[in-house]
């Protein structure tokens, strides 16, 4: 009996009572070489859990209209009860920037493995130089005597993203800002946020948000979601572009890099090849 069960591992055969057809459900573990945790981790690389479940675990769950983070997000857990201020033990703040449809920015601090979202600037316009200057000035008033590192939408590294044709990154460098490109891949970006959301740091969430960050919070609660229907320009497994997507993209860029750059004692050098672009400076 035990030998028979081993032979059936990874598949199931049954007869449809309605039409008499013999049916089979086949799982990847039917192949003995694909049963190890090592194989699974390699095959899963770059996929979020939902994509893996749909593509590999025989899950009939769909993306249609579903919030990107609604299953992982808990407002009572992930939103701070009171307004957080920067921890003076780490003089580095990391800002994330999304360009394109409507520029957005988040201000974060990385403390002992935890990402703290302090401030959001959601959908503030299209003029990179003006917006960056205004945000820098506001941050300097809010959080004095901190060093800043900017993790930006990697498309901002190329010319043509501003009204003058200058790259957004160059416009920001003119203000003396330190630029690091975020990860290009949307799946890895969503996963990076989920990894911090589901992480516990001394009993606290790996991602915690100030209660004033209304757009981020509403996006986590379902405003940032997958499309109801797939179209030529909108794939079902890619979050829909809407009023919440820009601020969430900005946070995603931070989460893909903050472990490397978020501590004051860590050098900001990163492997640019990992960003998905071949950068030339």
Protein backbone atom coordinates (compact mmCIF):
# COMPACT_ATOMS: atom_id res chain seq x y z
CA UNK A 1 0.00 0.00 0.00
CA UNK A 2 2.82 2.41 0.89
CA UNK A 3 4.52 1.60 -2.43
CA UNK A 4 1.29 2.39 -4.33
CA UNK A 5 0.97 5.78 -2.59
CA UNK A 6 4.54 6.69 -3.58
CA UNK A 7 3.79 5.88 -7.19
CA UNK A 8 0.76 8.23 -7.07
CA UNK A 9 2.61 11.18 -5.58
CA UNK A 10 1.98 14.26 -7.69
CA UNK A 11 -1.07 13.10 -9.61
CA UNK A 12 -4.65 11.95 -9.10
CA UNK A 13 -6.87 9.86 -11.40
CA UNK A 14 -10.64 9.66 -11.15
CA UNK A 15 -13.71 8.92 -13.27
CA UNK A 16 -16.24 11.66 -14.01
CA UNK A 17 -19.59 10.27 -12.83
CA UNK A 18 -21.50 12.46 -15.26
CA UNK A 19 -19.92 11.37 -18.54
CA UNK A 20 -17.76 8.40 -17.58
CA UNK A 21 -14.53 10.09 -18.72
CA UNK A 22 -11.31 9.24 -16.93
CA UNK A 23 -9.61 12.41 -15.62
CA UNK A 24 -6.14 13.16 -14.33
CA UNK A 25 -4.76 16.01 -12.23
CA UNK A 26 -1.00 16.32 -12.68
CA UNK A 27 1.26 18.24 -10.29
CA UNK A 28 4.96 19.04 -10.79
CA UNK A 29 5.86 16.71 -7.90
CA UNK A 30 4.94 13.77 -10.13
CA UNK A 31 8.52 14.24 -11.34
CA UNK A 32 10.80 12.99 -8.52
CA UNK A 33 13.48 15.49 -9.49
CA UNK A 34 11.08 18.36 -8.67
CA UNK A 35 10.20 17.37 -5.11
CA UNK A 36 13.03 19.04 -3.25
CA UNK A 37 12.77 22.43 -1.55
CA UNK A 38 15.91 23.47 -3.41
CA UNK A 39 14.27 22.85 -6.80
CA UNK A 40 11.14 24.73 -5.70
CA UNK A 41 13.08 27.80 -4.57
CA UNK A 42 14.98 27.94 -7.87
CA UNK A 43 11.81 27.50 -9.95
CA UNK A 44 9.95 30.07 -7.84
CA UNK A 45 12.58 32.78 -8.22
CA UNK A 46 11.02 36.03 -9.46
CA UNK A 47 7.42 34.87 -8.84
CA UNK A 48 5.15 36.23 -6.14
CA UNK A 49 3.20 33.66 -4.12
CA UNK A 50 -0.05 34.24 -6.00
CA UNK A 51 1.57 33.63 -9.40
CA UNK A 52 3.26 30.49 -8.10
CA UNK A 53 -0.03 29.15 -6.70
CA UNK A 54 -1.83 29.79 -9.98
CA UNK A 55 0.86 28.47 -12.30
CA UNK A 56 2.30 25.61 -10.24
CA UNK A 57 0.05 24.60 -7.35
CA UNK A 58 -3.19 23.83 -9.25
CA UNK A 59 -4.88 26.84 -7.65
CA UNK A 60 -8.00 28.18 -9.38
CA UNK A 61 -7.63 31.52 -7.65
CA UNK A 62 -7.78 34.51 -10.05
CA UNK A 63 -6.32 38.00 -9.99
CA UNK A 64 -9.41 39.74 -11.40
CA UNK A 65 -10.01 42.97 -9.50
CA UNK A 66 -8.27 41.72 -6.38
CA UNK A 67 -6.21 44.03 -4.18
CA UNK A 68 -2.49 43.38 -4.57
CA UNK A 69 -1.83 43.24 -0.82
CA UNK A 70 -5.26 42.79 0.78
CA UNK A 71 -4.49 39.29 2.07
CA UNK A 72 -1.22 40.35 3.68
CA UNK A 73 -2.17 43.81 4.93
CA UNK A 74 -3.62 44.33 8.40
CA UNK A 75 -4.34 47.98 9.24
CA UNK A 76 -4.08 47.44 12.99
CA UNK A 77 -0.72 45.72 12.55
CA UNK A 78 0.96 47.58 9.68
CA UNK A 79 -0.16 51.15 10.51
CA UNK A 80 1.48 52.82 13.50
CA UNK A 81 -0.86 53.81 16.32
CA UNK A 82 0.89 57.19 16.61
CA UNK A 83 2.96 59.25 14.22
CA UNK A 84 6.52 57.96 13.95
CA UNK A 85 9.50 60.29 13.73
CA UNK A 86 12.94 59.29 12.44
CA UNK A 87 15.13 57.30 14.80
CA UNK A 88 18.26 59.35 15.46
CA UNK A 89 20.34 56.18 15.74
CA UNK A 90 20.39 56.08 11.93
CA UNK A 91 20.97 59.43 10.19
CA UNK A 92 19.98 58.06 6.74
CA UNK A 93 16.52 58.44 5.22
CA UNK A 94 15.62 56.72 1.96
CA UNK A 95 13.20 58.34 -0.45
CA UNK A 96 11.48 56.38 -3.22
CA UNK A 97 10.37 58.15 -6.43
CA UNK A 98 8.00 57.15 -9.21
CA UNK A 99 7.87 59.19 -12.42
CA UNK A 100 5.62 59.15 -15.45
CA UNK A 101 1.86 59.46 -15.07
CA UNK A 102 2.01 61.53 -11.86
CA UNK A 103 5.18 61.84 -9.79
CA UNK A 104 5.02 60.38 -6.29
CA UNK A 105 7.50 60.00 -3.45
CA UNK A 106 7.76 58.18 -0.12
CA UNK A 107 10.17 58.94 2.72
CA UNK A 108 11.34 55.92 4.71
CA UNK A 109 13.87 54.87 7.31
CA UNK A 110 15.43 51.44 7.67
CA UNK A 111 16.02 50.38 11.28
CA UNK A 112 17.32 46.92 12.15
CA UNK A 113 15.49 45.14 9.31
CA UNK A 114 12.29 47.20 9.55
CA UNK A 115 11.09 49.65 6.87
CA UNK A 116 9.33 52.64 8.42
CA UNK A 117 7.27 54.79 6.04
CA UNK A 118 7.31 58.32 7.44
CA UNK A 119 5.77 60.52 4.75
CA UNK A 120 4.08 60.25 1.36
CA UNK A 121 3.82 62.75 -1.49
CA UNK A 122 1.24 61.21 -3.81
CA UNK A 123 0.39 62.38 -7.34
CA UNK A 124 2.07 65.77 -7.07
CA UNK A 125 2.54 66.55 -10.76
CA UNK A 126 4.97 66.21 -13.67
CA UNK A 127 7.73 68.82 -13.28
CA UNK A 128 10.61 66.81 -11.86
CA UNK A 129 12.84 69.73 -10.89
CA UNK A 130 10.10 71.67 -9.13
CA UNK A 131 8.67 68.62 -7.37
CA UNK A 132 12.06 67.37 -6.23
CA UNK A 133 13.00 70.82 -4.93
CA UNK A 134 9.69 71.20 -3.07
CA UNK A 135 9.96 67.75 -1.50
CA UNK A 136 13.59 68.27 -0.51
CA UNK A 137 12.69 71.58 1.17
CA UNK A 138 9.72 70.05 2.97
CA UNK A 139 11.79 67.10 4.18
CA UNK A 140 14.52 69.41 5.43
CA UNK A 141 11.94 71.26 7.49
CA UNK A 142 10.38 68.06 8.81
CA UNK A 143 13.52 66.02 9.35
CA UNK A 144 16.59 68.18 9.85
CA UNK A 145 20.16 66.86 9.91
CA UNK A 146 19.53 63.65 7.97
CA UNK A 147 21.35 62.20 5.00
CA UNK A 148 19.11 61.25 2.06
CA UNK A 149 19.42 58.59 -0.62
CA UNK A 150 16.98 58.56 -3.55
CA UNK A 151 15.77 55.24 -5.01
CA UNK A 152 14.10 56.12 -8.28
CA UNK A 153 11.99 54.63 -11.02
CA UNK A 154 14.72 53.20 -13.31
CA UNK A 155 13.04 54.72 -16.37
CA UNK A 156 14.09 58.07 -14.92
CA UNK A 157 17.70 57.26 -15.78
CA UNK A 158 17.01 57.93 -19.45
CA UNK A 159 16.56 61.20 -21.29
CA UNK A 160 13.15 62.34 -22.44
CA UNK A 161 11.25 61.96 -19.15
CA UNK A 162 11.15 65.70 -18.37
CA UNK A 163 9.67 68.67 -20.25
CA UNK A 164 13.18 69.77 -21.27
CA UNK A 165 14.19 66.29 -22.44
CA UNK A 166 16.59 65.84 -19.51
CA UNK A 167 16.57 62.56 -17.60
CA UNK A 168 14.75 62.80 -14.27
CA UNK A 169 17.87 61.45 -12.58
CA UNK A 170 19.98 64.28 -14.03
CA UNK A 171 17.43 66.88 -12.94
CA UNK A 172 17.66 65.48 -9.41
CA UNK A 173 21.45 65.31 -9.49
CA UNK A 174 21.49 69.05 -10.24
CA UNK A 175 19.95 69.45 -6.79
CA UNK A 176 22.84 67.49 -5.29
CA UNK A 177 20.83 64.30 -4.69
CA UNK A 178 22.35 60.80 -4.51
CA UNK A 179 20.57 58.55 -7.01
CA UNK A 180 20.10 54.77 -6.97
CA UNK A 181 17.84 53.05 -9.55
CA UNK A 182 15.16 50.72 -8.20
CA UNK A 183 14.34 47.29 -9.59
CA UNK A 184 12.56 47.33 -12.94
CA UNK A 185 10.67 44.04 -12.61
CA UNK A 186 7.08 44.51 -11.26
CA UNK A 187 6.88 40.99 -9.83
CA UNK A 188 10.09 41.37 -7.84
CA UNK A 189 8.95 44.79 -6.64
CA UNK A 190 5.63 43.51 -5.31
CA UNK A 191 7.41 40.57 -3.70
CA UNK A 192 9.90 42.91 -2.00
CA UNK A 193 7.03 44.77 -0.29
CA UNK A 194 5.32 41.50 0.66
CA UNK A 195 8.54 40.17 2.13
CA UNK A 196 8.72 43.11 4.54
CA UNK A 197 4.97 42.98 5.27
CA UNK A 198 5.18 39.34 6.32
CA UNK A 199 8.44 39.73 8.25
CA UNK A 200 8.47 40.02 12.03
CA UNK A 201 11.16 42.20 13.62
CA UNK A 202 11.14 41.63 17.38
CA UNK A 203 7.39 41.07 17.27
CA UNK A 204 6.76 44.12 15.07
CA UNK A 205 5.93 44.18 11.35
CA UNK A 206 8.83 44.47 8.92
CA UNK A 207 6.88 47.26 7.19
CA UNK A 208 5.09 49.90 9.27
CA UNK A 209 3.39 53.04 7.98
CA UNK A 210 2.58 56.39 9.54
CA UNK A 211 -1.20 56.91 9.84
CA UNK A 212 -0.96 60.14 7.81
CA UNK A 213 0.00 58.18 4.66
CA UNK A 214 -3.62 57.87 3.49
CA UNK A 215 -2.99 57.01 -0.17
CA UNK A 216 -0.62 54.19 0.69
CA UNK A 217 -2.97 52.80 3.32
CA UNK A 218 -6.03 52.97 1.06
CA UNK A 219 -3.97 51.31 -1.68
CA UNK A 220 -2.98 48.50 0.68
CA UNK A 221 -6.65 48.05 1.56
CA UNK A 222 -7.61 47.38 -2.07
CA UNK A 223 -7.26 50.64 -3.99
CA UNK A 224 -4.08 49.26 -5.53
CA UNK A 225 -5.43 46.22 -7.35
CA UNK A 226 -5.29 43.96 -10.36
CA UNK A 227 -7.52 44.74 -13.37
CA UNK A 228 -10.97 43.23 -13.69
CA UNK A 229 -10.16 42.11 -17.24
CA UNK A 230 -6.98 41.58 -19.20
CA UNK A 231 -6.49 43.90 -22.17
CA UNK A 232 -3.83 44.33 -24.82
CA UNK A 233 -2.01 46.88 -22.65
CA UNK A 234 -2.94 45.53 -19.22
CA UNK A 235 -2.00 42.00 -18.18
CA UNK A 236 -4.09 40.29 -15.51
CA UNK A 237 -1.12 39.69 -13.22
CA UNK A 238 0.17 43.30 -13.39
CA UNK A 239 -1.39 45.83 -10.97
CA UNK A 240 -3.71 48.32 -12.62
CA UNK A 241 -2.40 51.84 -13.21
CA UNK A 242 -4.63 54.13 -11.16
CA UNK A 243 -4.40 56.91 -8.57
CA UNK A 244 -2.82 54.53 -6.04
CA UNK A 245 -0.27 52.88 -8.29
CA UNK A 246 2.33 55.68 -8.38
CA UNK A 247 2.81 55.96 -4.63
CA UNK A 248 2.93 52.17 -4.35
CA UNK A 249 5.51 51.97 -7.13
CA UNK A 250 7.61 54.48 -5.17
CA UNK A 251 7.46 52.27 -2.07
CA UNK A 252 8.30 49.19 -4.12
CA UNK A 253 11.48 50.80 -5.42
CA UNK A 254 12.56 51.48 -1.84
CA UNK A 255 11.85 47.92 -0.71
CA UNK A 256 13.99 46.47 -3.52
CA UNK A 257 17.05 48.46 -2.39
CA UNK A 258 16.70 49.55 1.23
CA UNK A 259 18.44 46.52 2.69
CA UNK A 260 21.57 47.51 0.76
CA UNK A 261 21.49 51.26 1.32
CA UNK A 262 19.30 51.95 4.34
CA UNK A 263 21.99 51.85 7.03
CA UNK A 264 24.34 54.79 7.44
CA UNK A 265 27.37 52.54 7.78
CA UNK A 266 26.63 50.61 4.57
CA UNK A 267 28.14 51.79 1.29
CA UNK A 268 25.45 52.73 -1.27
CA UNK A 269 27.06 50.76 -4.08
CA UNK A 270 24.72 48.12 -5.57
CA UNK A 271 24.82 45.70 -8.45
CA UNK A 272 23.20 47.77 -11.21
CA UNK A 273 22.84 44.69 -13.41
CA UNK A 274 20.23 43.47 -10.90
CA UNK A 275 18.02 46.45 -11.76
CA UNK A 276 17.17 45.07 -15.18
CA UNK A 277 18.96 47.78 -17.14
CA UNK A 278 22.47 48.17 -18.49
CA UNK A 279 23.37 51.56 -17.09
CA UNK A 280 26.12 53.77 -18.46
CA UNK A 281 27.32 56.80 -16.49
